[in-house]
Amino acid sequence: MKELIDRRKRHRMPVVFGPTVGPRQGPDGQAYDYSESPRASVAVSFLSEADALTQLLPPGCRLDGEPIVTVERSDLLEVEWLAGRAYSMLAIKFPVAFEGERDCVRGPFLSVLWENRPEPIISGREELGFAKLYCELPPPRAVGGVYEWSALWDGHEFLRLGLSDLADADPPPPTLPIDGTLHHRYLPGLSEPGLADLEQIVMSPSGARVRTISYRKGKPSIAFVRSTWEQLPTMYHIVNALADLPIKEMRAGCLAETRGASDFSNQRVLS
């Protein structure tokens, strides 16, 4: 019987066909150069309530500073590992600190990340521990200087994001030192409801070289649409939890174009 796993290469199911091609491994096993990867992003943040956000944090994490929710929509363009295709993603983040036996780090906790292609969803969930889900992320609408983005599943809109009064600005400096982005990696046990085969806090370390090409600030707006089980059979509980977060004050809105990214090969487990 042949040896299924080549320990020098990355594999995902189905492994019987050999090593997996993906964002961290090309057809010949090579790594990709992400130094000029183009990205267009819109981010909106609002002040919520600490008690409400605390209910959404994984073990070992606590809020770090103000209870700010950041919603970021990004369009990744000319993606080499997808042979030049593009895809979009929608991230919901909170600022947290993780305090473990070995590691004490701070950074945004990526609570959920929606994407509109299966390939980055599968690779990010299995190889990195990102909490990825699928949704439709159509191009923005722009009328009279007002930009609007939507997120939908099977035609049902569950998020509306907006920016208006856009003006050129300088990117703001980081308000806190950030070690990386934190994730709650969870693999359920087979035939054992409530038990996990694996549960970890993992981190995408900071340090990717990203250049800002353009940056504009604007007046933000956001609305999560409370949804029924019939409308979002597997995600209504997530969207409704986000819709229940109090919006005490809108904080910031921006539209940016950047170059450069990470392939997350330095992803690591915290303990």
Protein backbone atom coordinates (compact mmCIF):
# COMPACT_ATOMS: atom_id res chain seq x y z
CA MET A 1 0.00 0.00 0.00
CA LYS A 2 1.34 3.42 -0.90
CA GLU A 3 2.05 6.03 1.78
CA LEU A 4 -0.82 8.52 1.53
CA ILE A 5 0.74 11.48 3.33
CA ASP A 6 3.84 13.22 2.04
CA ARG A 7 4.94 14.98 5.21
CA ARG A 8 6.81 17.62 3.22
CA LYS A 9 3.55 18.88 1.68
CA ARG A 10 0.07 20.05 2.68
CA HIS A 11 -2.92 17.74 2.43
CA ARG A 12 -6.69 18.12 2.79
CA MET A 13 -9.51 15.66 2.21
CA PRO A 14 -9.63 13.73 -0.06
CA VAL A 15 -6.00 12.81 0.60
CA VAL A 16 -6.00 9.70 -1.63
CA PHE A 17 -5.46 11.99 -4.64
CA GLY A 18 -2.27 13.51 -3.25
CA PRO A 19 -1.17 16.89 -1.86
CA THR A 20 -3.59 19.81 -2.02
CA VAL A 21 -3.17 22.88 -4.20
CA GLY A 22 -4.21 26.01 -2.34
CA PRO A 23 -3.17 29.43 -1.04
CA ARG A 24 -0.01 28.08 0.63
CA GLN A 25 1.00 25.49 -1.97
CA GLY A 26 0.98 25.77 -5.76
CA PRO A 27 0.74 23.01 -8.39
CA ASP A 28 4.48 22.33 -8.11
CA GLY A 29 4.54 22.71 -4.33
CA GLN A 30 5.76 26.30 -4.56
CA ALA A 31 4.76 29.21 -2.32
CA TYR A 32 3.14 32.29 -3.85
CA ASP A 33 4.39 35.86 -3.73
CA TYR A 34 1.71 38.01 -2.03
CA SER A 35 3.78 41.21 -1.86
CA GLU A 36 1.75 42.94 -4.59
CA SER A 37 -1.63 41.32 -4.00
CA PRO A 38 -4.32 44.00 -4.59
CA ARG A 39 -7.21 44.44 -2.19
CA ALA A 40 -10.11 46.89 -1.90
CA SER A 41 -11.66 47.16 1.57
CA VAL A 42 -14.44 49.00 3.33
CA ALA A 43 -14.53 49.02 7.15
CA VAL A 44 -17.17 50.34 9.54
CA SER A 45 -16.89 50.33 13.33
CA PHE A 46 -19.28 51.11 16.15
CA LEU A 47 -19.24 51.27 19.93
CA SER A 48 -21.30 48.51 21.54
CA GLU A 49 -21.64 47.25 25.13
CA ALA A 50 -18.98 45.22 26.92
CA ASP A 51 -21.43 42.73 28.44
CA ALA A 52 -22.92 41.95 25.03
CA LEU A 53 -19.56 41.36 23.35
CA THR A 54 -18.23 39.30 26.26
CA GLN A 55 -20.95 36.73 25.55
CA LEU A 56 -19.37 36.15 22.12
CA LEU A 57 -15.77 35.59 23.24
CA PRO A 58 -14.06 32.17 23.32
CA PRO A 59 -12.29 30.70 26.37
CA GLY A 60 -9.17 32.55 27.52
CA CYS A 61 -10.14 35.84 25.84
CA ARG A 62 -11.34 39.10 27.35
CA LEU A 63 -12.20 42.45 25.82
CA ASP A 64 -9.22 44.73 25.38
CA GLY A 65 -10.24 48.37 25.67
CA GLU A 66 -13.53 49.75 24.41
CA PRO A 67 -16.17 47.33 23.09
CA ILE A 68 -15.69 48.25 19.44
CA VAL A 69 -17.18 46.10 16.69
CA THR A 70 -15.48 46.35 13.29
CA VAL A 71 -17.20 45.08 10.16
CA GLU A 72 -14.85 44.80 7.18
CA ARG A 73 -15.74 43.90 3.60
CA SER A 74 -12.75 43.10 1.36
CA ASP A 75 -12.40 42.24 -2.31
CA LEU A 76 -9.27 40.24 -3.12
CA LEU A 77 -8.30 40.75 -6.74
CA GLU A 78 -6.02 38.89 -9.17
CA VAL A 79 -5.61 36.00 -6.72
CA GLU A 80 -2.71 33.93 -8.03
CA TRP A 81 -3.59 30.69 -6.27
CA LEU A 82 -7.03 30.89 -7.96
CA ALA A 83 -5.35 31.41 -11.35
CA GLY A 84 -6.14 35.13 -11.36
CA ARG A 85 -9.74 35.02 -10.14
CA ALA A 86 -11.16 37.21 -7.36
CA TYR A 87 -13.26 36.66 -4.26
CA SER A 88 -14.76 38.72 -1.45
CA MET A 89 -15.03 38.36 2.30
CA LEU A 90 -16.87 39.93 5.22
CA ALA A 91 -15.27 39.93 8.69
CA ILE A 92 -16.68 40.75 12.14
CA LYS A 93 -13.99 41.60 14.71
CA PHE A 94 -13.69 42.64 18.38
CA PRO A 95 -10.54 43.79 20.23
CA VAL A 96 -9.41 41.13 22.71
CA ALA A 97 -6.53 39.96 24.85
CA PHE A 98 -5.69 36.27 25.31
CA GLU A 99 -4.02 35.20 28.54
CA GLY A 100 -2.81 31.61 28.60
CA GLU A 101 -0.19 29.58 30.42
CA ARG A 102 2.43 30.38 27.77
CA ASP A 103 1.07 33.22 25.63
CA CYS A 104 -0.26 36.66 26.45
CA VAL A 105 -1.27 38.43 23.23
CA ARG A 106 -3.68 41.08 22.02
CA GLY A 107 -5.41 41.79 18.76
CA PRO A 108 -8.76 41.54 16.99
CA PHE A 109 -10.80 38.37 17.50
CA LEU A 110 -12.25 37.29 14.14
CA SER A 111 -15.61 35.99 15.31
CA VAL A 112 -16.93 35.06 11.85
CA LEU A 113 -15.73 35.48 8.27
CA TRP A 114 -18.10 35.10 5.33
CA GLU A 115 -16.66 34.44 1.85
CA ASN A 116 -18.22 33.94 -1.56
CA ARG A 117 -16.06 31.07 -2.87
CA PRO A 118 -15.78 27.54 -1.44
CA GLU A 119 -12.02 27.16 -2.01
CA PRO A 120 -10.84 29.85 0.46
CA ILE A 121 -13.53 28.74 2.92
CA ILE A 122 -12.35 25.12 2.93
CA SER A 123 -8.64 25.92 3.05
CA GLY A 124 -9.07 28.56 5.76
CA ARG A 125 -11.22 26.38 8.02
CA GLU A 126 -9.12 23.21 7.75
CA GLU A 127 -5.59 24.62 7.60
CA LEU A 128 -5.89 27.82 9.65
CA GLY A 129 -8.85 27.56 12.01
CA PHE A 130 -10.75 30.58 10.65
CA ALA A 131 -14.50 30.60 11.43
CA LYS A 132 -15.50 30.80 7.76
CA LEU A 133 -18.99 30.57 6.24
CA TYR A 134 -20.46 31.10 2.78
CA CYS A 135 -22.61 33.99 1.59
CA GLU A 136 -23.21 36.09 -1.50
CA LEU A 137 -21.24 39.36 -1.58
CA PRO A 138 -22.34 41.32 -4.65
CA PRO A 139 -20.49 44.43 -5.92
CA PRO A 140 -21.38 47.70 -4.17
CA ARG A 141 -24.06 50.10 -5.34
CA ALA A 142 -23.02 53.74 -5.74
CA VAL A 143 -25.63 56.48 -6.21
CA GLY A 144 -25.12 60.19 -5.55
CA GLY A 145 -21.92 59.68 -3.57
CA VAL A 146 -23.48 57.01 -1.32
CA TYR A 147 -21.91 53.53 -1.43
CA GLU A 148 -23.81 50.47 -0.20
CA TRP A 149 -22.66 46.87 0.26
CA SER A 150 -24.86 43.87 1.03
CA ALA A 151 -24.44 40.32 2.26
CA LEU A 152 -27.00 37.71 1.23
CA TRP A 153 -27.67 33.99 1.47
CA ASP A 154 -29.91 32.40 -1.17
CA GLY A 155 -31.13 35.90 -2.06
CA HIS A 156 -31.97 36.94 1.53
CA GLU A 157 -30.12 40.10 2.57
CA PHE A 158 -28.86 39.90 6.15
CA LEU A 159 -26.42 42.83 6.24
CA ARG A 160 -26.35 46.34 4.81
CA LEU A 161 -23.20 48.44 4.99
CA GLY A 162 -22.90 52.04 3.83
CA LEU A 163 -20.50 54.95 3.39
CA SER A 164 -21.21 58.52 2.29
CA ASP A 165 -19.43 61.89 2.23
CA LEU A 166 -16.14 60.23 1.29
CA ALA A 167 -12.98 62.35 1.42
CA ASP A 168 -9.27 61.60 1.04
CA ALA A 169 -7.48 61.14 4.38
CA ASP A 170 -4.35 59.69 5.97
CA PRO A 171 -4.66 56.16 7.37
CA PRO A 172 -4.90 56.30 11.18
CA PRO A 173 -2.04 54.82 13.22
CA PRO A 174 -2.79 51.73 15.32
CA THR A 175 -4.30 52.71 18.67
CA LEU A 176 -2.94 49.63 20.43
CA PRO A 177 0.01 47.31 19.80
CA ILE A 178 -1.36 44.25 18.04
CA ASP A 179 0.29 40.82 18.07
CA GLY A 180 -2.04 39.33 15.49
CA THR A 181 -5.59 38.27 14.70
CA LEU A 182 -7.11 35.64 16.99
CA HIS A 183 -9.40 32.76 16.02
CA HIS A 184 -11.36 30.05 17.85
CA ARG A 185 -10.56 26.76 16.11
CA TYR A 186 -13.16 24.07 16.83
CA LEU A 187 -13.57 20.60 15.32
CA PRO A 188 -16.62 18.71 16.64
CA GLY A 189 -16.31 15.11 17.76
CA LEU A 190 -17.82 12.47 15.51
CA SER A 191 -21.16 11.16 16.85
CA GLU A 192 -20.55 12.96 20.14
CA PRO A 193 -22.68 16.13 20.32
CA GLY A 194 -21.17 18.81 22.53
CA LEU A 195 -17.70 17.26 22.56
CA ALA A 196 -14.79 18.56 20.49
CA ASP A 197 -12.04 16.55 18.85
CA LEU A 198 -10.04 19.80 18.86
CA GLU A 199 -10.54 23.23 20.43
CA GLN A 200 -7.82 25.89 20.28
CA ILE A 201 -7.17 29.59 20.19
CA VAL A 202 -4.92 30.27 17.20
CA MET A 203 -3.30 33.46 15.95
CA SER A 204 -2.41 34.96 12.59
CA PRO A 205 0.69 36.97 13.58
CA SER A 206 1.02 40.58 12.45
CA GLY A 207 3.85 41.63 10.19
CA ALA A 208 2.62 41.28 6.60
CA ARG A 209 3.99 44.08 4.43
CA VAL A 210 0.95 46.03 3.31
CA ARG A 211 1.11 49.32 1.37
CA THR A 212 -1.83 51.71 1.29
CA ILE A 213 -2.51 52.98 -2.23
CA SER A 214 -5.54 55.14 -1.37
CA TYR A 215 -7.55 55.86 1.76
CA ARG A 216 -10.83 57.71 2.17
CA LYS A 217 -12.95 58.38 5.25
CA GLY A 218 -16.71 58.64 5.21
CA LYS A 219 -19.92 58.67 7.21
CA PRO A 220 -20.72 55.03 8.08
CA SER A 221 -23.96 53.12 8.44
CA ILE A 222 -24.68 49.48 9.22
CA ALA A 223 -27.68 47.24 9.78
CA PHE A 224 -27.85 43.53 10.53
CA VAL A 225 -31.25 42.18 9.48
CA ARG A 226 -32.91 39.92 12.03
CA SER A 227 -33.73 36.71 10.19
CA THR A 228 -35.85 33.60 10.61
CA TRP A 229 -34.80 29.97 10.40
CA GLU A 230 -36.64 29.76 7.08
CA GLN A 231 -34.55 32.64 5.69
CA LEU A 232 -31.15 31.51 7.04
CA PRO A 233 -31.52 27.84 8.06
CA THR A 234 -27.94 27.41 9.35
CA MET A 235 -26.94 31.00 10.15
CA TYR A 236 -29.94 32.81 11.62
CA HIS A 237 -28.57 32.43 15.16
CA ILE A 238 -25.30 34.13 14.14
CA VAL A 239 -26.92 37.02 12.31
CA ASN A 240 -29.48 37.57 15.08
CA ALA A 241 -26.77 37.62 17.75
CA LEU A 242 -25.00 40.34 15.76
CA ALA A 243 -28.26 42.19 15.17
CA ASP A 244 -28.83 42.21 18.95
CA LEU A 245 -25.55 44.01 19.65
CA PRO A 246 -26.34 47.54 20.84
CA ILE A 247 -25.04 50.32 18.59
CA LYS A 248 -24.30 53.12 21.01
CA GLU A 249 -22.27 55.23 18.60
CA MET A 250 -20.92 54.91 15.07
CA ARG A 251 -17.16 55.36 15.25
CA ALA A 252 -15.49 55.18 11.83
CA GLY A 253 -15.87 54.34 8.20
CA CYS A 254 -13.22 54.04 5.52
CA LEU A 255 -12.57 52.84 2.00
CA ALA A 256 -9.04 51.70 1.17
CA GLU A 257 -6.98 50.15 -1.59
CA THR A 258 -3.86 48.24 -0.55
CA ARG A 259 -1.11 46.01 -1.92
CA GLY A 260 0.43 43.10 -0.06
CA ALA A 261 -0.86 40.23 2.07
CA SER A 262 0.17 37.15 4.03
CA ASP A 263 -0.40 33.50 3.15
CA PHE A 264 -0.69 32.73 6.90
CA SER A 265 2.00 30.06 6.82
CA ASN A 266 3.07 31.40 10.23
CA GLN A 267 -0.29 30.60 11.84
CA ARG A 268 0.28 29.23 15.35
CA VAL A 269 -1.60 27.73 18.29
CA LEU A 270 -1.75 29.71 21.53
CA SER A 271 -1.66 28.10 24.93
